[in-house]
Each structure stands twice: as C-alpha cells, then as structure tokens.
C-alpha cells in the first residue's frame, strides 16, 4: 500500500460508507494498529467484554491473501481500545 492509500484510510471507520467514513457521536471505537488496516477505527459499540477479548478477523483485500483474506486483530493488554494486528488468514 502506498502512502496515498494509507492517508485515505486514516480516521476512517472499518466498513463504513465512503460518504460518511468518520466516527459517529455516541459510538465506541477501537483503533486497529499494524497490519493492512492500520489506523482504521473499528466500531465496537455494544460488544461485550468477551467479544472484545476474542478479537476479530476482518475481511480485507489489502492483506497477504488479497480478496477473500482476513486480517486478525487482538485487544492490546492494558489498552482494550487498541487492537493489535496478529496476522493474516484465508
């Protein structure tokens, strides 16, 4: 990914409409750190502690496996609003 692509992703919410890419008031977000989705925000509004602890595997075309691949993220110990990249899977 080149720097122009990276700049477009900053401050955006994963999976949001391109017309309204930013965070919305009243929602709870975690920052994705590292990997192909670095800098995106993930809406975790309504997630239980168990959901947060489990982490996520998010579909993305930007990862190692291209279309059909997923980037996995886990909450950072001591900072559950930051999800660290743990790898790409199919």
PDB file of N, CA and C in Angstrom:
ATOM      1  N   UNK A   1       0.854  -1.173   0.000  1.00  0.00           N
ATOM      2  CA  UNK A   1       0.000   0.000   0.000  1.00  0.00           C
ATOM      3  C   UNK A   1       0.893   1.227   0.000  1.00  0.00           C
ATOM      4  N   UNK A   2       0.613   2.181  -0.869  1.00  0.00           N
ATOM      5  CA  UNK A   2       1.449   3.380  -0.901  1.00  0.00           C
ATOM      6  C   UNK A   2       0.917   4.420   0.084  1.00  0.00           C
ATOM      7  N   UNK A   3       1.681   5.495   0.270  1.00  0.00           N
ATOM      8  CA  UNK A   3       1.332   6.496   1.282  1.00  0.00           C
ATOM      9  C   UNK A   3      -0.005   7.193   0.983  1.00  0.00           C
ATOM     10  N   UNK A   4      -0.376   7.326  -0.285  1.00  0.00           N
ATOM     11  CA  UNK A   4      -1.670   7.927  -0.614  1.00  0.00           C
ATOM     12  C   UNK A   4      -2.810   7.054  -0.107  1.00  0.00           C
ATOM     13  N   UNK A   5      -2.695   5.741  -0.293  1.00  0.00           N
ATOM     14  CA  UNK A   5      -3.710   4.811   0.207  1.00  0.00           C
ATOM     15  C   UNK A   5      -3.779   4.869   1.730  1.00  0.00           C
ATOM     16  N   UNK A   6      -2.608   4.898   2.373  1.00  0.00           N
ATOM     17  CA  UNK A   6      -2.561   4.952   3.830  1.00  0.00           C
ATOM     18  C   UNK A   6      -3.234   6.213   4.351  1.00  0.00           C
ATOM     19  N   UNK A   7      -3.000   7.333   3.699  1.00  0.00           N
ATOM     20  CA  UNK A   7      -3.603   8.600   4.132  1.00  0.00           C
ATOM     21  C   UNK A   7      -5.124   8.547   4.004  1.00  0.00           C
ATOM     22  N   UNK A   8      -5.633   7.919   2.955  1.00  0.00           N
ATOM     23  CA  UNK A   8      -7.074   7.813   2.775  1.00  0.00           C
ATOM     24  C   UNK A   8      -7.727   7.010   3.895  1.00  0.00           C
ATOM     25  N   UNK A   9      -7.015   6.013   4.408  1.00  0.00           N
ATOM     26  CA  UNK A   9      -7.586   5.151   5.439  1.00  0.00           C
ATOM     27  C   UNK A   9      -7.585   5.796   6.821  1.00  0.00           C
ATOM     28  N   UNK A  10      -6.673   6.691   7.114  1.00  0.00           N
ATOM     29  CA  UNK A  10      -6.566   7.311   8.439  1.00  0.00           C
ATOM     30  C   UNK A  10      -7.861   8.017   8.827  1.00  0.00           C
ATOM     31  N   UNK A  11      -8.309   7.788  10.061  1.00  0.00           N
ATOM     32  CA  UNK A  11      -9.505   8.448  10.568  1.00  0.00           C
ATOM     33  C   UNK A  11     -10.806   7.868  10.049  1.00  0.00           C
ATOM     34  N   UNK A  12     -10.718   6.799   9.309  1.00  0.00           N
ATOM     35  CA  UNK A  12     -11.910   6.156   8.761  1.00  0.00           C
ATOM     36  C   UNK A  12     -12.330   5.010   9.662  1.00  0.00           C
ATOM     37  N   UNK A  13     -13.588   4.667   9.572  1.00  0.00           N
ATOM     38  CA  UNK A  13     -14.130   3.556  10.332  1.00  0.00           C
ATOM     39  C   UNK A  13     -14.251   2.349   9.403  1.00  0.00           C
ATOM     40  N   UNK A  14     -13.709   1.217   9.830  1.00  0.00           N
ATOM     41  CA  UNK A  14     -13.772  -0.013   9.043  1.00  0.00           C
ATOM     42  C   UNK A  14     -15.232  -0.330   8.711  1.00  0.00           C
ATOM     43  N   UNK A  15     -15.502  -0.561   7.437  1.00  0.00           N
ATOM     44  CA  UNK A  15     -16.824  -0.978   6.987  1.00  0.00           C
ATOM     45  C   UNK A  15     -17.842   0.131   6.823  1.00  0.00           C
ATOM     46  N   UNK A  16     -17.459   1.375   7.072  1.00  0.00           N
ATOM     47  CA  UNK A  16     -18.407   2.486   6.943  1.00  0.00           C
ATOM     48  C   UNK A  16     -18.561   2.913   5.493  1.00  0.00           C
ATOM     49  N   UNK A  17     -19.664   3.542   5.212  1.00  0.00           N
ATOM     50  CA  UNK A  17     -19.986   4.120   3.917  1.00  0.00           C
ATOM     51  C   UNK A  17     -18.933   5.160   3.545  1.00  0.00           C
ATOM     52  N   UNK A  18     -18.503   5.183   2.300  1.00  0.00           N
ATOM     53  CA  UNK A  18     -17.490   6.142   1.845  1.00  0.00           C
ATOM     54  C   UNK A  18     -17.963   7.589   1.952  1.00  0.00           C
ATOM     55  N   UNK A  19     -19.264   7.807   1.928  1.00  0.00           N
ATOM     56  CA  UNK A  19     -19.791   9.165   2.055  1.00  0.00           C
ATOM     57  C   UNK A  19     -19.730   9.676   3.494  1.00  0.00           C
ATOM     58  N   UNK A  20     -19.672   8.760   4.461  1.00  0.00           N
ATOM     59  CA  UNK A  20     -19.626   9.114   5.889  1.00  0.00           C
ATOM     60  C   UNK A  20     -18.587   8.231   6.574  1.00  0.00           C
ATOM     61  N   UNK A  21     -17.304   8.416   6.233  1.00  0.00           N
ATOM     62  CA  UNK A  21     -16.268   7.492   6.682  1.00  0.00           C
ATOM     63  C   UNK A  21     -15.794   7.656   8.124  1.00  0.00           C
ATOM     64  N   UNK A  22     -16.100   8.780   8.744  1.00  0.00           N
ATOM     65  CA  UNK A  22     -15.542   9.060  10.068  1.00  0.00           C
ATOM     66  C   UNK A  22     -16.377   8.512  11.207  1.00  0.00           C
ATOM     67  N   UNK A  23     -15.833   8.661  12.408  1.00  0.00           N
ATOM     68  CA  UNK A  23     -16.553   8.202  13.597  1.00  0.00           C
ATOM     69  C   UNK A  23     -17.850   8.985  13.807  1.00  0.00           C
ATOM     70  N   UNK A  24     -18.805   8.328  14.431  1.00  0.00           N
ATOM     71  CA  UNK A  24     -20.098   8.944  14.703  1.00  0.00           C
ATOM     72  C   UNK A  24     -20.261   9.156  16.206  1.00  0.00           C
ATOM     73  N   UNK A  25     -20.897  10.243  16.591  1.00  0.00           N
ATOM     74  CA  UNK A  25     -21.116  10.507  18.016  1.00  0.00           C
ATOM     75  C   UNK A  25     -21.894   9.365  18.679  1.00  0.00           C
ATOM     76  N   UNK A  26     -21.535   9.070  19.911  1.00  0.00           N
ATOM     77  CA  UNK A  26     -22.250   8.055  20.672  1.00  0.00           C
ATOM     78  C   UNK A  26     -21.800   6.631  20.415  1.00  0.00           C
ATOM     79  N   UNK A  27     -20.852   6.450  19.509  1.00  0.00           N
ATOM     80  CA  UNK A  27     -20.339   5.112  19.212  1.00  0.00           C
ATOM     81  C   UNK A  27     -19.024   4.897  19.953  1.00  0.00           C
ATOM     82  N   UNK A  28     -18.664   3.634  20.157  1.00  0.00           N
ATOM     83  CA  UNK A  28     -17.419   3.268  20.833  1.00  0.00           C
ATOM     84  C   UNK A  28     -16.502   2.602  19.800  1.00  0.00           C
ATOM     85  N   UNK A  29     -15.257   3.068  19.721  1.00  0.00           N
ATOM     86  CA  UNK A  29     -14.332   2.572  18.699  1.00  0.00           C
ATOM     87  C   UNK A  29     -13.037   2.052  19.309  1.00  0.00           C
ATOM     88  N   UNK A  30     -12.453   1.092  18.619  1.00  0.00           N
ATOM     89  CA  UNK A  30     -11.098   0.627  18.915  1.00  0.00           C
ATOM     90  C   UNK A  30     -10.245   0.961  17.699  1.00  0.00           C
ATOM     91  N   UNK A  31      -9.003   1.365  17.931  1.00  0.00           N
ATOM     92  CA  UNK A  31      -8.084   1.661  16.833  1.00  0.00           C
ATOM     93  C   UNK A  31      -7.371   0.384  16.416  1.00  0.00           C
ATOM     94  N   UNK A  32      -7.327   0.112  15.124  1.00  0.00           N
ATOM     95  CA  UNK A  32      -6.590  -1.026  14.592  1.00  0.00           C
ATOM     96  C   UNK A  32      -5.140  -0.593  14.399  1.00  0.00           C
ATOM     97  N   UNK A  33      -4.217  -1.368  14.972  1.00  0.00           N
ATOM     98  CA  UNK A  33      -2.802  -0.990  14.983  1.00  0.00           C
ATOM     99  C   UNK A  33      -1.982  -2.053  14.261  1.00  0.00           C
ATOM    100  N   UNK A  34      -1.250  -1.624  13.230  1.00  0.00           N
ATOM    101  CA  UNK A  34      -0.409  -2.536  12.465  1.00  0.00           C
ATOM    102  C   UNK A  34      -1.204  -3.255  11.388  1.00  0.00           C
ATOM    103  N   UNK A  35      -0.495  -3.999  10.564  1.00  0.00           N
ATOM    104  CA  UNK A  35      -1.146  -4.784   9.522  1.00  0.00           C
ATOM    105  C   UNK A  35      -1.803  -3.946   8.452  1.00  0.00           C
ATOM    106  N   UNK A  36      -2.606  -4.588   7.604  1.00  0.00           N
ATOM    107  CA  UNK A  36      -3.175  -3.906   6.449  1.00  0.00           C
ATOM    108  C   UNK A  36      -4.251  -2.868   6.784  1.00  0.00           C
ATOM    109  N   UNK A  37      -4.821  -2.922   7.969  1.00  0.00           N
ATOM    110  CA  UNK A  37      -5.892  -1.991   8.334  1.00  0.00           C
ATOM    111  C   UNK A  37      -5.434  -0.962   9.359  1.00  0.00           C
ATOM    112  N   UNK A  38      -4.122  -0.801   9.471  1.00  0.00           N
ATOM    113  CA  UNK A  38      -3.532   0.125  10.435  1.00  0.00           C
ATOM    114  C   UNK A  38      -4.146   1.516  10.333  1.00  0.00           C
ATOM    115  N   UNK A  39      -4.551   2.049  11.475  1.00  0.00           N
ATOM    116  CA  UNK A  39      -5.094   3.398  11.522  1.00  0.00           C
ATOM    117  C   UNK A  39      -6.600   3.478  11.400  1.00  0.00           C
ATOM    118  N   UNK A  40      -7.243   2.406  10.934  1.00  0.00           N
ATOM    119  CA  UNK A  40      -8.707   2.415  10.864  1.00  0.00           C
ATOM    120  C   UNK A  40      -9.292   2.267  12.261  1.00  0.00           C
ATOM    121  N   UNK A  41     -10.503   2.728  12.415  1.00  0.00           N
ATOM    122  CA  UNK A  41     -11.237   2.540  13.659  1.00  0.00           C
ATOM    123  C   UNK A  41     -12.245   1.422  13.453  1.00  0.00           C
ATOM    124  N   UNK A  42     -12.457   0.617  14.487  1.00  0.00           N
ATOM    125  CA  UNK A  42     -13.429  -0.467  14.453  1.00  0.00           C
ATOM    126  C   UNK A  42     -14.537  -0.139  15.437  1.00  0.00           C
ATOM    127  N   UNK A  43     -15.776  -0.112  14.956  1.00  0.00           N
ATOM    128  CA  UNK A  43     -16.918   0.185  15.815  1.00  0.00           C
ATOM    129  C   UNK A  43     -17.185  -1.032  16.705  1.00  0.00           C
ATOM    130  N   UNK A  44     -16.978  -0.861  18.009  1.00  0.00           N
ATOM    131  CA  UNK A  44     -17.201  -1.950  18.968  1.00  0.00           C
ATOM    132  C   UNK A  44     -18.379  -1.621  19.895  1.00  0.00           C
ATOM    133  N   UNK A  45     -19.223  -0.712  19.463  1.00  0.00           N
ATOM    134  CA  UNK A  45     -20.408  -0.354  20.236  1.00  0.00           C
ATOM    135  C   UNK A  45     -21.252  -1.601  20.494  1.00  0.00           C
ATOM    136  N   UNK A  46     -21.598  -1.823  21.734  1.00  0.00           N
ATOM    137  CA  UNK A  46     -22.447  -2.960  22.089  1.00  0.00           C
ATOM    138  C   UNK A  46     -21.715  -4.274  22.280  1.00  0.00           C
ATOM    139  N   UNK A  47     -20.409  -4.297  22.047  1.00  0.00           N
ATOM    140  CA  UNK A  47     -19.652  -5.527  22.250  1.00  0.00           C
ATOM    141  C   UNK A  47     -19.540  -5.817  23.746  1.00  0.00           C
ATOM    142  N   UNK A  48     -19.613  -7.071  24.104  1.00  0.00           N
ATOM    143  CA  UNK A  48     -19.377  -7.486  25.485  1.00  0.00           C
ATOM    144  C   UNK A  48     -17.871  -7.577  25.711  1.00  0.00           C
ATOM    145  N   UNK A  49     -17.475  -7.674  26.963  1.00  0.00           N
ATOM    146  CA  UNK A  49     -16.056  -7.853  27.265  1.00  0.00           C
ATOM    147  C   UNK A  49     -15.535  -9.136  26.617  1.00  0.00           C
ATOM    148  N   UNK A  50     -16.367 -10.153  26.590  1.00  0.00           N
ATOM    149  CA  UNK A  50     -15.993 -11.420  25.946  1.00  0.00           C
ATOM    150  C   UNK A  50     -15.739 -11.229  24.452  1.00  0.00           C
ATOM    151  N   UNK A  51     -16.588 -10.431  23.798  1.00  0.00           N
ATOM    152  CA  UNK A  51     -16.402 -10.130  22.372  1.00  0.00           C
ATOM    153  C   UNK A  51     -15.069  -9.420  22.142  1.00  0.00           C
ATOM    154  N   UNK A  52     -14.787  -8.406  22.965  1.00  0.00           N
ATOM    155  CA  UNK A  52     -13.539  -7.649  22.832  1.00  0.00           C
ATOM    156  C   UNK A  52     -12.349  -8.578  23.051  1.00  0.00           C
ATOM    157  N   UNK A  53     -12.402  -9.386  24.098  1.00  0.00           N
ATOM    158  CA  UNK A  53     -11.290 -10.293  24.419  1.00  0.00           C
ATOM    159  C   UNK A  53     -11.001 -11.294  23.303  1.00  0.00           C
ATOM    160  N   UNK A  54     -12.034 -11.689  22.559  1.00  0.00           N
ATOM    161  CA  UNK A  54     -11.876 -12.678  21.486  1.00  0.00           C
ATOM    162  C   UNK A  54     -11.134 -12.102  20.278  1.00  0.00           C
ATOM    163  N   UNK A  55     -11.185 -10.775  20.105  1.00  0.00           N
ATOM    164  CA  UNK A  55     -10.566 -10.177  18.926  1.00  0.00           C
ATOM    165  C   UNK A  55     -11.419 -10.409  17.697  1.00  0.00           C
ATOM    166  N   UNK A  56     -10.876 -10.067  16.527  1.00  0.00           N
ATOM    167  CA  UNK A  56     -11.648 -10.151  15.283  1.00  0.00           C
ATOM    168  C   UNK A  56     -10.788 -10.610  14.118  1.00  0.00           C
ATOM    169  N   UNK A  57     -11.447 -11.174  13.115  1.00  0.00           N
ATOM    170  CA  UNK A  57     -10.837 -11.491  11.823  1.00  0.00           C
ATOM    171  C   UNK A  57     -11.647 -10.726  10.786  1.00  0.00           C
ATOM    172  N   UNK A  58     -11.082  -9.642  10.283  1.00  0.00           N
ATOM    173  CA  UNK A  58     -11.812  -8.732   9.400  1.00  0.00           C
ATOM    174  C   UNK A  58     -11.482  -8.971   7.930  1.00  0.00           C
ATOM    175  N   UNK A  59     -12.505  -9.148   7.102  1.00  0.00           N
ATOM    176  CA  UNK A  59     -12.260  -9.301   5.668  1.00  0.00           C
ATOM    177  C   UNK A  59     -11.553  -8.067   5.102  1.00  0.00           C
ATOM    178  N   UNK A  60     -10.535  -8.317   4.288  1.00  0.00           N
ATOM    179  CA  UNK A  60      -9.827  -7.225   3.625  1.00  0.00           C
ATOM    180  C   UNK A  60      -9.127  -7.736   2.379  1.00  0.00           C
ATOM    181  N   UNK A  61      -9.071  -6.894   1.373  1.00  0.00           N
ATOM    182  CA  UNK A  61      -8.329  -7.213   0.152  1.00  0.00           C
ATOM    183  C   UNK A  61      -6.898  -6.716   0.257  1.00  0.00           C
ATOM    184  N   UNK A  62      -6.581  -6.009   1.323  1.00  0.00           N
ATOM    185  CA  UNK A  62      -5.266  -5.391   1.478  1.00  0.00           C
ATOM    186  C   UNK A  62      -4.227  -6.300   2.121  1.00  0.00           C
ATOM    187  N   UNK A  63      -4.632  -7.435   2.669  1.00  0.00           N
ATOM    188  CA  UNK A  63      -3.715  -8.318   3.384  1.00  0.00           C
ATOM    189  C   UNK A  63      -2.943  -9.259   2.482  1.00  0.00           C
ATOM    190  N   UNK A  64      -2.234 -10.134   3.104  1.00  0.00           N
ATOM    191  CA  UNK A  64      -1.351 -11.101   2.432  1.00  0.00           C
ATOM    192  C   UNK A  64      -2.068 -11.956   1.387  1.00  0.00           C
ATOM    193  N   UNK A  65      -3.338 -12.302   1.659  1.00  0.00           N
ATOM    194  CA  UNK A  65      -4.054 -13.219   0.790  1.00  0.00           C
ATOM    195  C   UNK A  65      -4.985 -12.536  -0.208  1.00  0.00           C
ATOM    196  N   UNK A  66      -4.973 -11.205  -0.245  1.00  0.00           N
ATOM    197  CA  UNK A  66      -5.815 -10.475  -1.196  1.00  0.00           C
ATOM    198  C   UNK A  66      -7.292 -10.715  -0.950  1.00  0.00           C
ATOM    199  N   UNK A  67      -8.074 -10.650  -2.028  1.00  0.00           N
ATOM    200  CA  UNK A  67      -9.523 -10.850  -1.910  1.00  0.00           C
ATOM    201  C   UNK A  67      -9.812 -12.192  -1.248  1.00  0.00           C
ATOM    202  N   UNK A  68     -10.694 -12.191  -0.292  1.00  0.00           N
ATOM    203  CA  UNK A  68     -11.039 -13.420   0.426  1.00  0.00           C
ATOM    204  C   UNK A  68     -10.220 -13.616   1.685  1.00  0.00           C
ATOM    205  N   UNK A  69      -9.194 -12.783   1.888  1.00  0.00           N
ATOM    206  CA  UNK A  69      -8.378 -12.898   3.093  1.00  0.00           C
ATOM    207  C   UNK A  69      -8.951 -12.104   4.244  1.00  0.00           C
ATOM    208  N   UNK A  70      -8.421 -12.377   5.429  1.00  0.00           N
ATOM    209  CA  UNK A  70      -8.839 -11.672   6.636  1.00  0.00           C
ATOM    210  C   UNK A  70      -7.607 -11.246   7.423  1.00  0.00           C
ATOM    211  N   UNK A  71      -7.700 -10.091   8.048  1.00  0.00           N
ATOM    212  CA  UNK A  71      -6.656  -9.607   8.947  1.00  0.00           C
ATOM    213  C   UNK A  71      -7.160  -9.823  10.372  1.00  0.00           C
ATOM    214  N   UNK A  72      -6.342 -10.456  11.210  1.00  0.00           N
ATOM    215  CA  UNK A  72      -6.762 -10.725  12.580  1.00  0.00           C
ATOM    216  C   UNK A  72      -6.168  -9.685  13.527  1.00  0.00           C
ATOM    217  N   UNK A  73      -6.996  -9.256  14.461  1.00  0.00           N
ATOM    218  CA  UNK A  73      -6.608  -8.249  15.450  1.00  0.00           C
ATOM    219  C   UNK A  73      -7.061  -8.700  16.829  1.00  0.00           C
ATOM    220  N   UNK A  74      -6.218  -8.436  17.827  1.00  0.00           N
ATOM    221  CA  UNK A  74      -6.491  -8.783  19.222  1.00  0.00           C
ATOM    222  C   UNK A  74      -6.337  -7.537  20.081  1.00  0.00           C
ATOM    223  N   UNK A  75      -7.147  -7.413  21.153  1.00  0.00           N
ATOM    224  CA  UNK A  75      -7.011  -6.242  22.018  1.00  0.00           C
ATOM    225  C   UNK A  75      -5.647  -6.231  22.690  1.00  0.00           C
ATOM    226  N   UNK A  76      -5.083  -5.064  22.820  1.00  0.00           N
ATOM    227  CA  UNK A  76      -3.783  -4.891  23.471  1.00  0.00           C
ATOM    228  C   UNK A  76      -3.975  -5.007  24.990  1.00  0.00           C
ATOM    229  N   UNK A  77      -3.170  -5.835  25.648  1.00  0.00           N
ATOM    230  CA  UNK A  77      -3.266  -5.936  27.105  1.00  0.00           C
ATOM    231  C   UNK A  77      -3.088  -4.554  27.751  1.00  0.00           C
ATOM    232  N   UNK A  78      -4.012  -4.206  28.622  1.00  0.00           N
ATOM    233  CA  UNK A  78      -3.952  -2.925  29.298  1.00  0.00           C
ATOM    234  C   UNK A  78      -4.484  -1.754  28.485  1.00  0.00           C
ATOM    235  N   UNK A  79      -4.819  -1.987  27.225  1.00  0.00           N
ATOM    236  CA  UNK A  79      -5.350  -0.918  26.358  1.00  0.00           C
ATOM    237  C   UNK A  79      -6.390  -1.521  25.407  1.00  0.00           C
ATOM    238  N   UNK A  80      -7.538  -1.938  25.925  1.00  0.00           N
ATOM    239  CA  UNK A  80      -8.523  -2.658  25.112  1.00  0.00           C
ATOM    240  C   UNK A  80      -9.146  -1.858  23.976  1.00  0.00           C
ATOM    241  N   UNK A  81      -8.871  -0.559  23.908  1.00  0.00           N
ATOM    242  CA  UNK A  81      -9.372   0.245  22.788  1.00  0.00           C
ATOM    243  C   UNK A  81      -8.356   0.310  21.659  1.00  0.00           C
ATOM    244  N   UNK A  82      -7.300  -0.490  21.761  1.00  0.00           N
ATOM    245  CA  UNK A  82      -6.301  -0.618  20.690  1.00  0.00           C
ATOM    246  C   UNK A  82      -6.186  -2.105  20.372  1.00  0.00           C
ATOM    247  N   UNK A  83      -6.482  -2.458  19.139  1.00  0.00           N
ATOM    248  CA  UNK A  83      -6.396  -3.843  18.687  1.00  0.00           C
ATOM    249  C   UNK A  83      -5.149  -3.981  17.822  1.00  0.00           C
ATOM    250  N   UNK A  84      -4.249  -4.857  18.250  1.00  0.00           N
ATOM    251  CA  UNK A  84      -3.003  -5.080  17.516  1.00  0.00           C
ATOM    252  C   UNK A  84      -3.173  -6.196  16.481  1.00  0.00           C
ATOM    253  N   UNK A  85      -2.563  -5.978  15.327  1.00  0.00           N
ATOM    254  CA  UNK A  85      -2.592  -6.967  14.252  1.00  0.00           C
ATOM    255  C   UNK A  85      -1.827  -8.204  14.693  1.00  0.00           C
ATOM    256  N   UNK A  86      -2.414  -9.374  14.428  1.00  0.00           N
ATOM    257  CA  UNK A  86      -1.742 -10.614  14.781  1.00  0.00           C
ATOM    258  C   UNK A  86      -1.475 -11.508  13.566  1.00  0.00           C
ATOM    259  N   UNK A  87      -1.873 -11.072  12.373  1.00  0.00           N
ATOM    260  CA  UNK A  87      -1.567 -11.831  11.168  1.00  0.00           C
ATOM    261  C   UNK A  87      -2.727 -11.836  10.187  1.00  0.00           C
ATOM    262  N   UNK A  88      -2.475 -12.446   9.051  1.00  0.00           N
ATOM    263  CA  UNK A  88      -3.496 -12.577   8.002  1.00  0.00           C
ATOM    264  C   UNK A  88      -3.843 -14.055   7.839  1.00  0.00           C
ATOM    265  N   UNK A  89      -5.107 -14.326   7.556  1.00  0.00           N
ATOM    266  CA  UNK A  89      -5.565 -15.697   7.333  1.00  0.00           C
ATOM    267  C   UNK A  89      -6.442 -15.726   6.088  1.00  0.00           C
ATOM    268  N   UNK A  90      -6.686 -16.913   5.585  1.00  0.00           N
ATOM    269  CA  UNK A  90      -7.616 -17.087   4.448  1.00  0.00           C
ATOM    270  C   UNK A  90      -9.013 -17.249   4.960  1.00  0.00           C
TER     271      UNK A  90
END
